Amino acid sequence: MPGVDPGTAPRELRTARLLLRGWRADDAAAFAALNADPEVMRHIATGPLDRRASEDLRARLQHEWERAGHGLWALERRDDGALLGFCGLAVPGFARGLAAGTVEVGWRLRRDAWGHGYATEASRAALRVAWADLGRDHVVSLVHPDNARSLAVCERLGMRVVGRTTHVRTGWPLLVLRADRPRPEAPPRRAAAGDPP
């Protein structure tokens, strides 16, 4: 995509409460527990993952950074170092009919991290990277229509539904929501002679 300089996404971001960072070997157990939780995986087409499948996923997430220059960061809570899940910018290869080069903002958090605003906080940081570092004009999120929590995050991010698609393997319906690069604010107009006070 013209205007995109792959490889410029920072490998680490900090927000008020979170560290978005690269993946480490010691993430394996916490990541496997997250991916094995049926409630966390309820709207994910693979369903719960065993330990080996979780490790395969973590390897793919690491490889995506090398391939695309951006990807899904491990999401760590800063005050205690707990791995909460992931969030970031990835190329969604699991949906039909998306334009080449489409980038998705996505997240997955362990259940005890729900309802604290972490997904919104991390996704806002990821979107800033999409606009400032990757030069994107649009970013999508693909959400199962029954996933009320993720739809609420999308709403808080200012995303709107722009279409529908299906998962390539399962045929599940997915909503396509989009965030657009914010327009720069116009500078304040200078008062001219004769303007009312």
N, C-alpha and C. Protein backbone atom coordinates (compact mmCIF):
# COMPACT_ATOMS: atom_id res chain seq x y z
N MET A 1 0.85 -1.18 0.00
CA MET A 1 0.00 0.00 0.00
C MET A 1 0.88 1.23 0.00
N PRO A 2 0.71 2.18 -0.94
CA PRO A 2 1.54 3.36 -0.99
C PRO A 2 1.42 4.15 0.30
N GLY A 3 2.54 4.75 0.70
CA GLY A 3 2.54 5.58 1.90
C GLY A 3 2.77 4.81 3.18
N VAL A 4 2.81 3.49 3.11
CA VAL A 4 3.03 2.68 4.30
C VAL A 4 4.49 2.25 4.33
N ASP A 5 5.14 2.47 5.44
CA ASP A 5 6.53 2.09 5.61
C ASP A 5 6.57 0.94 6.59
N PRO A 6 6.52 -0.33 6.11
CA PRO A 6 6.50 -1.45 7.04
C PRO A 6 7.77 -1.49 7.87
N GLY A 7 7.63 -1.98 9.07
CA GLY A 7 8.78 -2.10 9.95
C GLY A 7 8.96 -0.94 10.88
N THR A 8 8.06 0.05 10.82
CA THR A 8 8.23 1.22 11.66
C THR A 8 7.36 1.19 12.92
N ALA A 9 6.54 0.17 13.08
CA ALA A 9 5.75 0.09 14.31
C ALA A 9 6.70 -0.14 15.49
N PRO A 10 6.55 0.61 16.57
CA PRO A 10 7.43 0.38 17.72
C PRO A 10 7.20 -1.00 18.32
N ARG A 11 8.26 -1.61 18.81
CA ARG A 11 8.15 -2.94 19.42
C ARG A 11 7.58 -2.88 20.82
N GLU A 12 7.50 -1.68 21.38
CA GLU A 12 6.98 -1.55 22.74
C GLU A 12 6.25 -0.22 22.86
N LEU A 13 5.11 -0.26 23.54
CA LEU A 13 4.32 0.94 23.82
C LEU A 13 3.93 0.92 25.30
N ARG A 14 3.80 2.09 25.87
CA ARG A 14 3.31 2.21 27.25
C ARG A 14 2.09 3.11 27.26
N THR A 15 1.09 2.68 28.00
CA THR A 15 -0.07 3.52 28.27
C THR A 15 -0.10 3.74 29.78
N ALA A 16 -1.14 4.38 30.27
CA ALA A 16 -1.21 4.67 31.70
C ALA A 16 -1.08 3.41 32.54
N ARG A 17 -1.70 2.31 32.10
CA ARG A 17 -1.73 1.09 32.92
C ARG A 17 -1.08 -0.12 32.28
N LEU A 18 -0.70 -0.01 31.00
CA LEU A 18 -0.35 -1.19 30.23
C LEU A 18 0.99 -1.05 29.53
N LEU A 19 1.64 -2.19 29.33
CA LEU A 19 2.82 -2.30 28.49
C LEU A 19 2.47 -3.21 27.33
N LEU A 20 2.57 -2.72 26.13
CA LEU A 20 2.39 -3.52 24.92
C LEU A 20 3.79 -3.83 24.44
N ARG A 21 4.14 -5.11 24.42
CA ARG A 21 5.55 -5.50 24.21
C ARG A 21 5.64 -6.75 23.35
N GLY A 22 6.88 -7.09 23.03
CA GLY A 22 7.14 -8.32 22.30
C GLY A 22 6.88 -9.55 23.15
N TRP A 23 6.77 -10.69 22.48
CA TRP A 23 6.47 -11.95 23.14
C TRP A 23 7.73 -12.56 23.72
N ARG A 24 7.59 -13.20 24.89
CA ARG A 24 8.71 -13.85 25.57
C ARG A 24 8.37 -15.32 25.83
N ALA A 25 9.41 -16.11 26.01
CA ALA A 25 9.21 -17.54 26.28
C ALA A 25 8.40 -17.75 27.56
N ASP A 26 8.58 -16.88 28.56
CA ASP A 26 7.87 -17.08 29.83
C ASP A 26 6.40 -16.65 29.76
N ASP A 27 5.93 -16.24 28.58
CA ASP A 27 4.50 -15.96 28.39
C ASP A 27 3.70 -17.23 28.13
N ALA A 28 4.38 -18.33 27.87
CA ALA A 28 3.71 -19.52 27.33
C ALA A 28 2.58 -20.03 28.22
N ALA A 29 2.80 -20.15 29.52
CA ALA A 29 1.78 -20.74 30.40
C ALA A 29 0.56 -19.84 30.51
N ALA A 30 0.78 -18.54 30.72
CA ALA A 30 -0.34 -17.61 30.85
C ALA A 30 -1.11 -17.52 29.53
N PHE A 31 -0.39 -17.54 28.41
CA PHE A 31 -1.05 -17.46 27.11
C PHE A 31 -1.86 -18.72 26.85
N ALA A 32 -1.33 -19.87 27.23
CA ALA A 32 -2.07 -21.12 27.05
C ALA A 32 -3.34 -21.14 27.89
N ALA A 33 -3.27 -20.62 29.12
CA ALA A 33 -4.46 -20.57 29.97
C ALA A 33 -5.53 -19.68 29.35
N LEU A 34 -5.13 -18.54 28.81
CA LEU A 34 -6.06 -17.63 28.14
C LEU A 34 -6.75 -18.34 26.98
N ASN A 35 -5.96 -19.00 26.13
CA ASN A 35 -6.51 -19.61 24.92
C ASN A 35 -7.30 -20.89 25.19
N ALA A 36 -7.15 -21.45 26.39
CA ALA A 36 -7.91 -22.66 26.75
C ALA A 36 -9.25 -22.33 27.39
N ASP A 37 -9.50 -21.08 27.71
CA ASP A 37 -10.72 -20.68 28.40
C ASP A 37 -11.90 -20.65 27.42
N PRO A 38 -12.89 -21.51 27.58
CA PRO A 38 -14.00 -21.55 26.62
C PRO A 38 -14.76 -20.24 26.51
N GLU A 39 -14.86 -19.50 27.60
CA GLU A 39 -15.59 -18.22 27.55
C GLU A 39 -14.81 -17.18 26.77
N VAL A 40 -13.49 -17.13 26.96
CA VAL A 40 -12.65 -16.20 26.20
C VAL A 40 -12.74 -16.53 24.71
N MET A 41 -12.78 -17.82 24.38
CA MET A 41 -12.72 -18.26 22.99
C MET A 41 -14.10 -18.46 22.36
N ARG A 42 -15.12 -18.06 23.06
CA ARG A 42 -16.50 -18.32 22.61
C ARG A 42 -16.78 -17.78 21.21
N HIS A 43 -16.25 -16.59 20.89
CA HIS A 43 -16.51 -15.98 19.59
C HIS A 43 -15.29 -16.04 18.67
N ILE A 44 -14.34 -16.92 18.99
CA ILE A 44 -13.16 -17.15 18.16
C ILE A 44 -13.37 -18.46 17.42
N ALA A 45 -13.18 -18.44 16.12
CA ALA A 45 -13.57 -19.58 15.28
C ALA A 45 -12.85 -20.88 15.64
N THR A 46 -11.63 -20.80 16.16
CA THR A 46 -10.90 -22.03 16.50
C THR A 46 -11.48 -22.72 17.72
N GLY A 47 -12.21 -21.97 18.56
CA GLY A 47 -12.60 -22.50 19.86
C GLY A 47 -11.37 -22.59 20.75
N PRO A 48 -11.51 -23.18 21.94
CA PRO A 48 -10.37 -23.28 22.87
C PRO A 48 -9.20 -24.03 22.24
N LEU A 49 -7.98 -23.60 22.61
CA LEU A 49 -6.77 -24.19 22.08
C LEU A 49 -6.06 -25.01 23.16
N ASP A 50 -5.46 -26.13 22.76
CA ASP A 50 -4.59 -26.85 23.70
C ASP A 50 -3.23 -26.16 23.74
N ARG A 51 -2.34 -26.66 24.61
CA ARG A 51 -1.05 -25.99 24.83
C ARG A 51 -0.23 -25.89 23.53
N ARG A 52 -0.22 -26.97 22.77
CA ARG A 52 0.58 -26.95 21.53
C ARG A 52 0.02 -25.93 20.53
N ALA A 53 -1.30 -25.89 20.36
CA ALA A 53 -1.91 -24.93 19.43
C ALA A 53 -1.67 -23.51 19.91
N SER A 54 -1.69 -23.30 21.22
CA SER A 54 -1.41 -21.97 21.76
C SER A 54 0.02 -21.55 21.45
N GLU A 55 0.97 -22.48 21.59
CA GLU A 55 2.37 -22.19 21.27
C GLU A 55 2.54 -21.91 19.78
N ASP A 56 1.82 -22.65 18.94
CA ASP A 56 1.86 -22.40 17.50
C ASP A 56 1.35 -20.99 17.19
N LEU A 57 0.28 -20.59 17.87
CA LEU A 57 -0.27 -19.25 17.67
C LEU A 57 0.75 -18.19 18.09
N ARG A 58 1.38 -18.39 19.23
CA ARG A 58 2.38 -17.41 19.71
C ARG A 58 3.53 -17.29 18.71
N ALA A 59 3.95 -18.41 18.14
CA ALA A 59 5.01 -18.38 17.13
C ALA A 59 4.57 -17.60 15.90
N ARG A 60 3.29 -17.79 15.48
CA ARG A 60 2.78 -17.05 14.33
C ARG A 60 2.72 -15.56 14.62
N LEU A 61 2.33 -15.20 15.85
CA LEU A 61 2.27 -13.78 16.21
C LEU A 61 3.66 -13.15 16.16
N GLN A 62 4.67 -13.87 16.62
CA GLN A 62 6.04 -13.37 16.54
C GLN A 62 6.49 -13.24 15.08
N HIS A 63 6.16 -14.25 14.27
CA HIS A 63 6.55 -14.23 12.85
C HIS A 63 5.90 -13.06 12.12
N GLU A 64 4.66 -12.72 12.47
CA GLU A 64 3.96 -11.62 11.81
C GLU A 64 4.74 -10.31 11.93
N TRP A 65 5.37 -10.10 13.07
CA TRP A 65 6.19 -8.88 13.24
C TRP A 65 7.32 -8.87 12.22
N GLU A 66 7.97 -10.01 12.03
CA GLU A 66 9.09 -10.06 11.09
C GLU A 66 8.60 -9.90 9.65
N ARG A 67 7.45 -10.48 9.35
CA ARG A 67 6.92 -10.44 7.99
C ARG A 67 6.36 -9.08 7.61
N ALA A 68 5.56 -8.49 8.51
CA ALA A 68 4.80 -7.30 8.16
C ALA A 68 5.32 -6.02 8.80
N GLY A 69 6.18 -6.14 9.81
CA GLY A 69 6.67 -4.93 10.47
C GLY A 69 5.72 -4.38 11.51
N HIS A 70 4.66 -5.11 11.77
CA HIS A 70 3.72 -4.78 12.85
C HIS A 70 3.02 -6.07 13.23
N GLY A 71 2.26 -6.03 14.29
CA GLY A 71 1.58 -7.25 14.71
C GLY A 71 0.84 -7.05 16.01
N LEU A 72 0.61 -8.15 16.69
CA LEU A 72 -0.10 -8.14 17.97
C LEU A 72 0.92 -8.18 19.10
N TRP A 73 0.88 -7.15 19.93
CA TRP A 73 1.75 -7.08 21.09
C TRP A 73 1.21 -7.96 22.22
N ALA A 74 2.10 -8.53 23.01
CA ALA A 74 1.70 -9.09 24.31
C ALA A 74 1.26 -7.92 25.18
N LEU A 75 0.19 -8.12 25.93
CA LEU A 75 -0.39 -7.05 26.73
C LEU A 75 -0.16 -7.34 28.21
N GLU A 76 0.67 -6.52 28.83
CA GLU A 76 1.07 -6.72 30.21
C GLU A 76 0.55 -5.58 31.08
N ARG A 77 0.04 -5.91 32.25
CA ARG A 77 -0.38 -4.88 33.22
C ARG A 77 0.87 -4.37 33.91
N ARG A 78 1.06 -3.06 33.92
CA ARG A 78 2.32 -2.50 34.40
C ARG A 78 2.50 -2.64 35.91
N ASP A 79 1.41 -2.59 36.68
CA ASP A 79 1.61 -2.57 38.13
C ASP A 79 2.01 -3.92 38.72
N ASP A 80 1.71 -5.03 38.01
CA ASP A 80 2.10 -6.34 38.56
C ASP A 80 2.76 -7.26 37.54
N GLY A 81 2.93 -6.80 36.29
CA GLY A 81 3.59 -7.61 35.28
C GLY A 81 2.77 -8.76 34.74
N ALA A 82 1.47 -8.81 35.05
CA ALA A 82 0.63 -9.93 34.60
C ALA A 82 0.37 -9.84 33.10
N LEU A 83 0.48 -10.97 32.40
CA LEU A 83 0.10 -11.04 31.00
C LEU A 83 -1.43 -11.10 30.92
N LEU A 84 -2.02 -10.09 30.29
CA LEU A 84 -3.48 -10.01 30.19
C LEU A 84 -4.00 -10.58 28.88
N GLY A 85 -3.14 -10.67 27.87
CA GLY A 85 -3.58 -11.14 26.57
C GLY A 85 -2.77 -10.50 25.48
N PHE A 86 -3.45 -10.05 24.41
CA PHE A 86 -2.75 -9.35 23.34
C PHE A 86 -3.63 -8.28 22.75
N CYS A 87 -2.98 -7.37 22.02
CA CYS A 87 -3.67 -6.32 21.28
C CYS A 87 -2.70 -5.81 20.22
N GLY A 88 -3.23 -5.37 19.10
CA GLY A 88 -2.35 -4.80 18.11
C GLY A 88 -2.95 -4.74 16.73
N LEU A 89 -2.07 -4.70 15.74
CA LEU A 89 -2.43 -4.46 14.35
C LEU A 89 -1.94 -5.64 13.51
N ALA A 90 -2.87 -6.32 12.86
CA ALA A 90 -2.51 -7.51 12.10
C ALA A 90 -3.27 -7.53 10.78
N VAL A 91 -2.77 -8.33 9.85
CA VAL A 91 -3.45 -8.54 8.57
C VAL A 91 -4.41 -9.70 8.75
N PRO A 92 -5.72 -9.47 8.60
CA PRO A 92 -6.69 -10.54 8.85
C PRO A 92 -6.83 -11.48 7.66
N GLY A 93 -6.19 -12.63 7.74
CA GLY A 93 -6.27 -13.59 6.65
C GLY A 93 -7.42 -14.55 6.76
N PHE A 94 -8.30 -14.35 7.75
CA PHE A 94 -9.36 -15.32 7.99
C PHE A 94 -10.72 -14.88 7.47
N ALA A 95 -10.80 -13.72 6.78
CA ALA A 95 -12.10 -13.21 6.33
C ALA A 95 -12.11 -13.07 4.82
N ARG A 96 -13.30 -13.29 4.24
CA ARG A 96 -13.47 -13.19 2.79
C ARG A 96 -13.69 -11.74 2.37
N GLY A 97 -13.17 -11.40 1.19
CA GLY A 97 -13.56 -10.18 0.50
C GLY A 97 -12.95 -8.89 1.01
N LEU A 98 -11.92 -8.93 1.85
CA LEU A 98 -11.29 -7.70 2.30
C LEU A 98 -10.24 -7.26 1.29
N ALA A 99 -10.07 -5.96 1.16
CA ALA A 99 -9.07 -5.43 0.24
C ALA A 99 -7.68 -5.85 0.67
N ALA A 100 -6.80 -6.08 -0.30
CA ALA A 100 -5.41 -6.41 0.01
C ALA A 100 -4.80 -5.29 0.83
N GLY A 101 -4.01 -5.67 1.83
CA GLY A 101 -3.36 -4.67 2.67
C GLY A 101 -4.20 -4.17 3.83
N THR A 102 -5.43 -4.69 3.96
CA THR A 102 -6.27 -4.29 5.09
C THR A 102 -5.58 -4.67 6.40
N VAL A 103 -5.64 -3.76 7.36
CA VAL A 103 -5.07 -4.01 8.69
C VAL A 103 -6.21 -3.96 9.70
N GLU A 104 -6.18 -4.93 10.62
CA GLU A 104 -7.19 -5.01 11.67
C GLU A 104 -6.58 -4.67 13.02
N VAL A 105 -7.31 -3.90 13.82
CA VAL A 105 -6.96 -3.77 15.23
C VAL A 105 -7.73 -4.87 15.96
N GLY A 106 -6.99 -5.67 16.72
CA GLY A 106 -7.61 -6.80 17.41
C GLY A 106 -7.08 -6.95 18.82
N TRP A 107 -7.81 -7.70 19.63
CA TRP A 107 -7.44 -7.90 21.03
C TRP A 107 -8.03 -9.21 21.51
N ARG A 108 -7.42 -9.76 22.53
CA ARG A 108 -7.95 -10.93 23.25
C ARG A 108 -7.41 -10.82 24.67
N LEU A 109 -8.29 -10.79 25.65
CA LEU A 109 -7.88 -10.63 27.04
C LEU A 109 -8.44 -11.76 27.89
N ARG A 110 -7.69 -12.12 28.92
CA ARG A 110 -8.18 -13.14 29.84
C ARG A 110 -9.41 -12.59 30.57
N ARG A 111 -10.22 -13.51 31.06
CA ARG A 111 -11.54 -13.15 31.55
C ARG A 111 -11.51 -12.19 32.74
N ASP A 112 -10.54 -12.36 33.66
CA ASP A 112 -10.52 -11.46 34.82
C ASP A 112 -10.03 -10.07 34.48
N ALA A 113 -9.61 -9.85 33.22
CA ALA A 113 -9.21 -8.52 32.77
C ALA A 113 -10.35 -7.80 32.03
N TRP A 114 -11.48 -8.47 31.86
CA TRP A 114 -12.62 -7.84 31.19
C TRP A 114 -13.24 -6.78 32.10
N GLY A 115 -13.82 -5.77 31.46
CA GLY A 115 -14.58 -4.77 32.20
C GLY A 115 -13.75 -3.70 32.89
N HIS A 116 -12.44 -3.64 32.59
CA HIS A 116 -11.57 -2.64 33.20
C HIS A 116 -11.10 -1.58 32.21
N GLY A 117 -11.54 -1.67 30.96
CA GLY A 117 -11.12 -0.71 29.95
C GLY A 117 -9.76 -0.98 29.34
N TYR A 118 -9.17 -2.15 29.62
CA TYR A 118 -7.83 -2.44 29.09
C TYR A 118 -7.84 -2.57 27.57
N ALA A 119 -8.83 -3.25 27.02
CA ALA A 119 -8.87 -3.43 25.56
C ALA A 119 -8.99 -2.09 24.85
N THR A 120 -9.81 -1.19 25.39
CA THR A 120 -9.96 0.12 24.79
C THR A 120 -8.67 0.92 24.90
N GLU A 121 -8.05 0.91 26.07
CA GLU A 121 -6.81 1.65 26.29
C GLU A 121 -5.70 1.16 25.35
N ALA A 122 -5.54 -0.15 25.24
CA ALA A 122 -4.51 -0.70 24.38
C ALA A 122 -4.82 -0.44 22.91
N SER A 123 -6.08 -0.57 22.52
CA SER A 123 -6.46 -0.38 21.12
C SER A 123 -6.29 1.07 20.69
N ARG A 124 -6.55 2.00 21.58
CA ARG A 124 -6.30 3.41 21.24
C ARG A 124 -4.83 3.64 20.95
N ALA A 125 -3.96 3.03 21.75
CA ALA A 125 -2.52 3.15 21.50
C ALA A 125 -2.16 2.53 20.15
N ALA A 126 -2.75 1.36 19.84
CA ALA A 126 -2.48 0.70 18.57
C ALA A 126 -2.95 1.56 17.40
N LEU A 127 -4.10 2.18 17.52
CA LEU A 127 -4.59 3.03 16.43
C LEU A 127 -3.68 4.24 16.22
N ARG A 128 -3.14 4.80 17.30
CA ARG A 128 -2.20 5.91 17.13
C ARG A 128 -0.99 5.46 16.31
N VAL A 129 -0.53 4.23 16.53
CA VAL A 129 0.57 3.68 15.73
C VAL A 129 0.14 3.53 14.27
N ALA A 130 -1.08 3.05 14.05
CA ALA A 130 -1.58 2.87 12.68
C ALA A 130 -1.56 4.20 11.93
N TRP A 131 -1.98 5.26 12.59
CA TRP A 131 -2.03 6.57 11.92
C TRP A 131 -0.62 7.16 11.78
N ALA A 132 0.11 7.22 12.88
CA ALA A 132 1.37 7.98 12.90
C ALA A 132 2.55 7.20 12.34
N ASP A 133 2.64 5.91 12.63
CA ASP A 133 3.83 5.14 12.26
C ASP A 133 3.64 4.33 10.98
N LEU A 134 2.44 3.84 10.74
CA LEU A 134 2.20 3.01 9.56
C LEU A 134 1.52 3.76 8.43
N GLY A 135 1.09 4.99 8.68
CA GLY A 135 0.51 5.81 7.63
C GLY A 135 -0.82 5.31 7.11
N ARG A 136 -1.56 4.60 7.93
CA ARG A 136 -2.86 4.05 7.50
C ARG A 136 -3.94 5.13 7.53
N ASP A 137 -4.85 5.06 6.58
CA ASP A 137 -6.01 5.94 6.59
C ASP A 137 -7.21 5.29 7.24
N HIS A 138 -7.24 3.94 7.22
CA HIS A 138 -8.37 3.18 7.78
C HIS A 138 -7.83 1.93 8.46
N VAL A 139 -8.49 1.53 9.51
CA VAL A 139 -8.21 0.26 10.18
C VAL A 139 -9.56 -0.38 10.47
N VAL A 140 -9.65 -1.69 10.32
CA VAL A 140 -10.91 -2.39 10.57
C VAL A 140 -10.80 -3.23 11.83
N SER A 141 -11.94 -3.69 12.28
CA SER A 141 -12.04 -4.73 13.29
C SER A 141 -13.13 -5.68 12.83
N LEU A 142 -12.87 -6.97 12.94
CA LEU A 142 -13.81 -8.00 12.50
C LEU A 142 -14.36 -8.69 13.74
N VAL A 143 -15.67 -8.57 13.95
CA VAL A 143 -16.28 -8.99 15.21
C VAL A 143 -17.51 -9.84 14.93
N HIS A 144 -17.61 -10.95 15.63
CA HIS A 144 -18.83 -11.77 15.56
C HIS A 144 -20.00 -10.93 16.08
N PRO A 145 -21.15 -10.96 15.40
CA PRO A 145 -22.27 -10.10 15.80
C PRO A 145 -22.77 -10.34 17.23
N ASP A 146 -22.51 -11.51 17.81
CA ASP A 146 -22.94 -11.79 19.18
C ASP A 146 -21.92 -11.38 20.23
N ASN A 147 -20.78 -10.88 19.81
CA ASN A 147 -19.71 -10.53 20.74
C ASN A 147 -19.93 -9.10 21.25
N ALA A 148 -20.85 -8.97 22.21
CA ALA A 148 -21.25 -7.65 22.70
C ALA A 148 -20.08 -6.89 23.32
N ARG A 149 -19.20 -7.57 24.01
CA ARG A 149 -18.07 -6.88 24.66
C ARG A 149 -17.15 -6.23 23.63
N SER A 150 -16.80 -6.98 22.58
CA SER A 150 -15.92 -6.41 21.56
C SER A 150 -16.62 -5.31 20.77
N LEU A 151 -17.91 -5.47 20.54
CA LEU A 151 -18.64 -4.39 19.86
C LEU A 151 -18.66 -3.12 20.71
N ALA A 152 -18.73 -3.27 22.02
CA ALA A 152 -18.69 -2.11 22.90
C ALA A 152 -17.32 -1.43 22.84
N VAL A 153 -16.25 -2.22 22.76
CA VAL A 153 -14.91 -1.63 22.61
C VAL A 153 -14.85 -0.85 21.29
N CYS A 154 -15.34 -1.45 20.21
CA CYS A 154 -15.35 -0.76 18.92
C CYS A 154 -16.11 0.57 19.00
N GLU A 155 -17.22 0.56 19.69
CA GLU A 155 -17.99 1.80 19.83
C GLU A 155 -17.18 2.86 20.57
N ARG A 156 -16.49 2.44 21.64
CA ARG A 156 -15.67 3.41 22.38
C ARG A 156 -14.51 3.94 21.55
N LEU A 157 -14.06 3.13 20.59
CA LEU A 157 -12.99 3.57 19.69
C LEU A 157 -13.51 4.44 18.55
N GLY A 158 -14.81 4.62 18.46
CA GLY A 158 -15.39 5.43 17.39
C GLY A 158 -15.51 4.68 16.07
N MET A 159 -15.47 3.35 16.12
CA MET A 159 -15.59 2.56 14.90
C MET A 159 -17.06 2.41 14.52
N ARG A 160 -17.30 2.26 13.23
CA ARG A 160 -18.67 2.07 12.77
C ARG A 160 -18.73 0.88 11.81
N VAL A 161 -19.90 0.24 11.79
CA VAL A 161 -20.09 -0.91 10.89
C VAL A 161 -20.13 -0.42 9.46
N VAL A 162 -19.28 -1.02 8.61
CA VAL A 162 -19.25 -0.64 7.19
C VAL A 162 -19.56 -1.82 6.27
N GLY A 163 -19.76 -3.01 6.86
CA GLY A 163 -20.07 -4.15 6.03
C GLY A 163 -20.11 -5.44 6.83
N ARG A 164 -20.24 -6.53 6.10
CA ARG A 164 -20.26 -7.86 6.69
C ARG A 164 -19.38 -8.76 5.84
N THR A 165 -18.84 -9.79 6.49
CA THR A 165 -18.07 -10.79 5.78
C THR A 165 -18.28 -12.12 6.49
N THR A 166 -17.57 -13.14 6.04
CA THR A 166 -17.66 -14.44 6.70
C THR A 166 -16.26 -14.98 6.95
N HIS A 167 -16.15 -15.80 7.97
CA HIS A 167 -14.89 -16.46 8.28
C HIS A 167 -14.63 -17.52 7.21
N VAL A 168 -13.41 -17.57 6.68
CA VAL A 168 -13.15 -18.45 5.53
C VAL A 168 -13.29 -19.93 5.88
N ARG A 169 -12.99 -20.31 7.11
CA ARG A 169 -13.02 -21.74 7.46
C ARG A 169 -14.37 -22.18 7.99
N THR A 170 -14.97 -21.35 8.84
CA THR A 170 -16.20 -21.77 9.52
C THR A 170 -17.46 -21.24 8.87
N GLY A 171 -17.34 -20.18 8.05
CA GLY A 171 -18.52 -19.53 7.50
C GLY A 171 -19.25 -18.64 8.49
N TRP A 172 -18.67 -18.46 9.69
CA TRP A 172 -19.30 -17.58 10.68
C TRP A 172 -19.48 -16.19 10.11
N PRO A 173 -20.59 -15.53 10.45
CA PRO A 173 -20.75 -14.13 10.04
C PRO A 173 -19.84 -13.24 10.89
N LEU A 174 -19.33 -12.19 10.27
CA LEU A 174 -18.51 -11.21 10.96
C LEU A 174 -18.92 -9.82 10.52
N LEU A 175 -19.02 -8.91 11.47
CA LEU A 175 -19.22 -7.51 11.16
C LEU A 175 -17.87 -6.88 10.85
N VAL A 176 -17.83 -6.02 9.85
CA VAL A 176 -16.63 -5.25 9.54
C VAL A 176 -16.87 -3.83 10.07
N LEU A 177 -16.09 -3.46 11.07
CA LEU A 177 -16.17 -2.11 11.63
C LEU A 177 -14.91 -1.37 11.23
N ARG A 178 -15.01 -0.04 11.07
CA ARG A 178 -13.87 0.72 10.56
C ARG A 178 -13.64 1.97 11.40
N ALA A 179 -12.37 2.24 11.63
CA ALA A 179 -11.93 3.52 12.20
C ALA A 179 -11.16 4.25 11.11
N ASP A 180 -11.40 5.54 10.99
CA ASP A 180 -10.71 6.37 10.01
C ASP A 180 -9.71 7.28 10.71
N ARG A 181 -8.62 7.55 10.01
CA ARG A 181 -7.62 8.47 10.55
C ARG A 181 -8.29 9.79 10.92
N PRO A 182 -8.03 10.28 12.14
CA PRO A 182 -8.66 11.56 12.52
C PRO A 182 -8.19 12.69 11.61
N ARG A 183 -9.11 13.56 11.27
CA ARG A 183 -8.74 14.73 10.46
C ARG A 183 -8.01 15.73 11.36
N PRO A 184 -6.98 16.37 10.81
CA PRO A 184 -6.31 17.38 11.63
C PRO A 184 -7.26 18.54 11.93
N GLU A 185 -7.14 19.05 13.14
CA GLU A 185 -8.00 20.17 13.50
C GLU A 185 -7.53 21.41 12.77
N ALA A 186 -8.49 22.21 12.31
CA ALA A 186 -8.15 23.46 11.65
C ALA A 186 -7.60 24.43 12.69
N PRO A 187 -6.55 25.18 12.33
CA PRO A 187 -6.04 26.15 13.29
C PRO A 187 -7.08 27.23 13.55
N PRO A 188 -7.06 27.79 14.75
CA PRO A 188 -8.05 28.84 15.02
C PRO A 188 -7.86 30.02 14.07
N ARG A 189 -8.98 30.59 13.66
CA ARG A 189 -8.94 31.73 12.73
C ARG A 189 -8.49 32.98 13.47
N ARG A 190 -7.56 33.68 12.85
CA ARG A 190 -7.10 34.93 13.46
C ARG A 190 -8.17 35.99 13.28
N ALA A 191 -8.38 36.76 14.30
CA ALA A 191 -9.36 37.85 14.20
C ALA A 191 -8.88 38.87 13.20
N ALA A 192 -9.80 39.33 12.38
CA ALA A 192 -9.49 40.38 11.40
C ALA A 192 -10.01 41.72 11.90
N ALA A 193 -9.44 42.76 11.39
CA ALA A 193 -9.91 44.10 11.77
C ALA A 193 -11.38 44.22 11.41
N GLY A 194 -12.14 44.75 12.32
CA GLY A 194 -13.56 44.92 12.09
C GLY A 194 -14.41 43.76 12.60
N ASP A 195 -13.77 42.63 13.06
CA ASP A 195 -14.55 41.54 13.65
C ASP A 195 -15.12 42.01 14.98
N PRO A 196 -16.34 41.58 15.29
CA PRO A 196 -16.90 41.95 16.61
C PRO A 196 -16.04 41.38 17.72
N PRO A 197 -15.95 42.09 18.84
CA PRO A 197 -15.14 41.59 19.94
C PRO A 197 -15.71 40.33 20.55
